[in-house]
Amino acid sequence: AGDDEERDYWLSEELHALFEAAGFTQERARCQQSLASLLESTAQVLPQDNGRMHMTGSYAEGWANSLVQVNGRTAADSDIDWTVLPDGQALHLEGFCMRQSDGCKNARLLLVSEGHAVVATGSGSQPAKSSPACGVRPAQDLCHAIRCCNGSGIKGGECSIGIGLDPPLHLVRATRPNSANELRVSF
């Protein structure tokens, strides 16, 4: 057991050194996340958005869309992912909705199985529409999603559907292979 622990330690040290040499540092990841937050908040103040657009994926998480280096640039083979959550009624998921507010008490609960909500009719399996890079703007994916009650708290007698700029619990058009009539649960 001691030899395995020592080998794992040295492999971890080697991996850490490789990541650091490629620019994966805490400081750069924090900087990348700050840039992503700024870009997202800028998009959310646009008149046509009204706070419904959320940046998701590796760019927002501080990876800068590159598994090779963190330098603030989106890799040529990557994109920035956006999720749009239109205004409207939130769906209620079994195991997530606490059924505490008036809006939740009588709502129909959707069964969740293996990370997918079972729905009455199919909606396809391609959640995002892609747009190619243009000049200095990287390629982007735009995904329209459906809000869900996340049951994490009650505000003003309404279902809680997220706090701050983080995208709330939502459903996207994505099914498992050989499945239909389901939407993938996403955070």
Protein backbone atom coordinates (compact mmCIF):
# COMPACT_ATOMS: atom_id res chain seq x y z
CA ALA A 1 0.00 0.00 0.00
CA GLY A 2 2.90 2.36 0.76
CA ASP A 3 4.36 2.01 -2.75
CA ASP A 4 1.00 2.84 -4.32
CA GLU A 5 0.57 5.93 -2.13
CA GLU A 6 4.07 7.17 -2.99
CA ARG A 7 3.50 6.56 -6.71
CA ASP A 8 0.14 8.36 -6.55
CA TYR A 9 1.79 11.28 -4.76
CA TRP A 10 4.47 11.68 -7.46
CA LEU A 11 1.92 11.29 -10.27
CA SER A 12 -0.20 13.99 -8.63
CA GLU A 13 2.83 16.27 -8.32
CA GLU A 14 3.71 15.69 -11.97
CA LEU A 15 0.15 16.40 -13.08
CA HIS A 16 0.07 19.58 -10.97
CA ALA A 17 3.33 20.76 -12.57
CA LEU A 18 1.95 20.09 -16.07
CA PHE A 19 -1.26 22.00 -15.33
CA GLU A 20 0.69 24.90 -13.87
CA ALA A 21 3.02 25.01 -16.89
CA ALA A 22 -0.06 25.20 -19.15
CA GLY A 23 -1.42 28.14 -17.15
CA PHE A 24 -3.97 26.34 -14.96
CA THR A 25 -3.44 28.35 -11.78
CA GLN A 26 -5.95 29.45 -9.14
CA GLU A 27 -5.24 33.08 -9.96
CA ARG A 28 -5.93 32.64 -13.68
CA ALA A 29 -9.03 30.53 -13.03
CA ARG A 30 -10.39 33.25 -10.70
CA CYS A 31 -9.60 35.90 -13.32
CA GLN A 32 -11.34 33.81 -16.00
CA GLN A 33 -14.40 33.37 -13.80
CA SER A 34 -14.49 37.12 -13.16
CA LEU A 35 -14.32 37.82 -16.90
CA ALA A 36 -17.13 35.33 -17.49
CA SER A 37 -19.27 36.94 -14.77
CA LEU A 38 -18.68 40.38 -16.27
CA LEU A 39 -19.63 39.15 -19.75
CA GLU A 40 -22.73 37.43 -18.38
CA SER A 41 -23.85 40.48 -16.37
CA THR A 42 -23.30 42.67 -19.44
CA ALA A 43 -25.51 40.36 -21.51
CA GLN A 44 -28.18 40.39 -18.80
CA VAL A 45 -28.61 44.17 -18.86
CA LEU A 46 -29.34 44.26 -22.58
CA PRO A 47 -32.92 45.48 -23.12
CA GLN A 48 -34.06 42.33 -24.91
CA ASP A 49 -32.63 40.00 -22.24
CA ASN A 50 -34.07 41.16 -18.92
CA GLY A 51 -31.84 38.80 -16.88
CA ARG A 52 -32.87 35.59 -18.65
CA MET A 53 -29.50 34.79 -20.25
CA HIS A 54 -26.98 32.74 -18.27
CA MET A 55 -23.45 31.74 -19.25
CA THR A 56 -22.81 28.06 -18.60
CA GLY A 57 -20.09 25.55 -19.31
CA SER A 58 -16.32 25.64 -19.21
CA TYR A 59 -15.87 29.36 -19.96
CA ALA A 60 -18.05 30.35 -17.01
CA GLU A 61 -16.36 27.76 -14.78
CA GLY A 62 -12.89 29.22 -15.34
CA TRP A 63 -11.47 26.76 -17.87
CA ALA A 64 -11.49 29.37 -20.65
CA ASN A 65 -12.84 26.73 -23.03
CA SER A 66 -9.47 25.13 -23.42
CA LEU A 67 -8.21 21.86 -22.09
CA VAL A 68 -4.70 22.87 -23.18
CA GLN A 69 -4.12 26.21 -21.48
CA VAL A 70 -5.81 28.97 -19.47
CA ASN A 71 -4.91 32.27 -21.08
CA GLY A 72 -8.26 34.08 -21.26
CA ARG A 73 -8.88 33.07 -24.88
CA THR A 74 -11.44 30.63 -26.15
CA ALA A 75 -9.74 27.74 -27.93
CA ALA A 76 -10.30 27.54 -31.69
CA ASP A 77 -12.22 24.27 -31.31
CA SER A 78 -14.39 25.49 -28.43
CA ASP A 79 -17.27 27.89 -27.81
CA ILE A 80 -19.12 29.89 -25.17
CA ASP A 81 -22.37 28.32 -23.96
CA TRP A 82 -25.43 30.44 -23.16
CA THR A 83 -28.67 29.25 -21.58
CA VAL A 84 -31.81 31.37 -22.00
CA LEU A 85 -34.59 30.87 -19.46
CA PRO A 86 -37.76 32.57 -20.75
CA ASP A 87 -40.20 34.07 -18.29
CA GLY A 88 -43.15 31.91 -17.42
CA GLN A 89 -44.33 29.21 -15.08
CA ALA A 90 -41.74 26.92 -13.54
CA LEU A 91 -42.13 23.16 -13.84
CA HIS A 92 -42.04 21.08 -10.69
CA LEU A 93 -39.79 18.03 -10.34
CA GLU A 94 -40.32 15.18 -7.93
CA GLY A 95 -37.56 15.26 -5.33
CA PHE A 96 -36.74 18.94 -5.96
CA CYS A 97 -39.99 20.83 -5.31
CA MET A 98 -40.77 20.97 -1.58
CA ARG A 99 -44.47 21.81 -2.24
CA GLN A 100 -44.41 24.60 0.34
CA SER A 101 -45.76 27.60 -1.56
CA ASP A 102 -49.21 28.14 -3.04
CA GLY A 103 -47.75 27.79 -6.54
CA CYS A 104 -46.23 24.42 -5.65
CA LYS A 105 -48.97 22.74 -3.58
CA ASN A 106 -51.24 21.77 -6.46
CA ALA A 107 -48.67 21.59 -9.24
CA ARG A 108 -48.20 18.35 -11.15
CA LEU A 109 -44.81 16.81 -10.34
CA LEU A 110 -42.66 15.41 -13.13
CA LEU A 111 -40.92 12.12 -12.35
CA VAL A 112 -37.11 12.30 -12.60
CA SER A 113 -35.23 9.20 -13.78
CA GLU A 114 -31.46 9.09 -14.28
CA GLY A 115 -31.20 12.88 -14.53
CA HIS A 116 -34.10 13.26 -16.96
CA ALA A 117 -37.66 14.49 -16.34
CA VAL A 118 -40.33 12.32 -17.92
CA VAL A 119 -42.73 14.44 -20.01
CA ALA A 120 -45.91 13.68 -21.96
CA THR A 121 -44.48 14.37 -25.44
CA GLY A 122 -41.01 14.26 -26.94
CA SER A 123 -39.17 17.45 -27.69
CA GLY A 124 -36.05 16.33 -29.55
CA SER A 125 -32.55 15.74 -28.38
CA GLN A 126 -30.55 18.74 -29.61
CA PRO A 127 -30.64 21.37 -26.87
CA ALA A 128 -28.49 24.10 -28.44
CA LYS A 129 -28.19 26.07 -31.65
CA SER A 130 -24.64 26.89 -32.68
CA SER A 131 -23.27 30.02 -34.29
CA PRO A 132 -19.76 30.03 -35.76
CA ALA A 133 -16.94 32.29 -34.65
CA CYS A 134 -16.83 35.71 -36.29
CA GLY A 135 -13.74 37.89 -36.10
CA VAL A 136 -12.64 37.98 -32.47
CA ARG A 137 -15.99 36.63 -31.21
CA PRO A 138 -15.72 32.91 -30.47
CA ALA A 139 -18.30 30.38 -31.56
CA GLN A 140 -21.36 30.26 -29.32
CA ASP A 141 -24.06 27.78 -28.40
CA LEU A 142 -27.49 29.10 -27.42
CA CYS A 143 -29.79 26.79 -25.49
CA HIS A 144 -33.40 27.67 -24.65
CA ALA A 145 -34.44 25.91 -21.46
CA ILE A 146 -37.44 25.59 -19.15
CA ARG A 147 -37.22 26.84 -15.56
CA CYS A 148 -37.95 24.48 -12.68
CA CYS A 149 -38.85 25.06 -9.09
CA ASN A 150 -35.72 24.10 -7.17
CA GLY A 151 -37.42 23.94 -3.79
CA SER A 152 -34.49 25.57 -2.04
CA GLY A 153 -36.58 28.26 -0.45
CA ILE A 154 -39.72 30.33 -0.62
CA LYS A 155 -39.74 34.03 -1.48
CA GLY A 156 -42.99 35.98 -1.30
CA GLY A 157 -45.14 32.85 -1.58
CA GLU A 158 -43.58 31.91 -4.92
CA CYS A 159 -41.50 28.93 -5.93
CA SER A 160 -37.78 29.54 -5.64
CA ILE A 161 -36.21 29.52 -9.10
CA GLY A 162 -32.65 30.49 -8.36
CA ILE A 163 -30.74 33.29 -6.72
CA GLY A 164 -28.33 35.79 -8.27
CA LEU A 165 -26.73 35.26 -11.67
CA ASP A 166 -26.36 31.49 -11.36
CA PRO A 167 -28.71 29.69 -13.71
CA PRO A 168 -31.52 28.08 -11.73
CA LEU A 169 -32.54 24.46 -12.03
CA HIS A 170 -33.88 23.96 -15.55
CA LEU A 171 -34.73 21.41 -18.24
CA VAL A 172 -33.14 21.20 -21.70
CA ARG A 173 -34.09 19.26 -24.83
CA ALA A 174 -31.81 16.29 -24.47
CA THR A 175 -32.74 12.64 -24.21
CA ARG A 176 -30.74 9.57 -23.38
CA PRO A 177 -29.90 7.22 -26.26
CA ASN A 178 -32.91 5.09 -27.21
CA SER A 179 -35.24 7.23 -25.08
CA ALA A 180 -38.03 9.66 -25.83
CA ASN A 181 -40.42 11.92 -23.95
CA GLU A 182 -37.87 13.31 -21.53
CA LEU A 183 -35.92 16.47 -20.82
CA ARG A 184 -32.47 16.55 -19.17
CA VAL A 185 -32.28 18.19 -15.74
CA SER A 186 -29.56 20.81 -15.67
CA PHE A 187 -28.15 23.15 -13.00
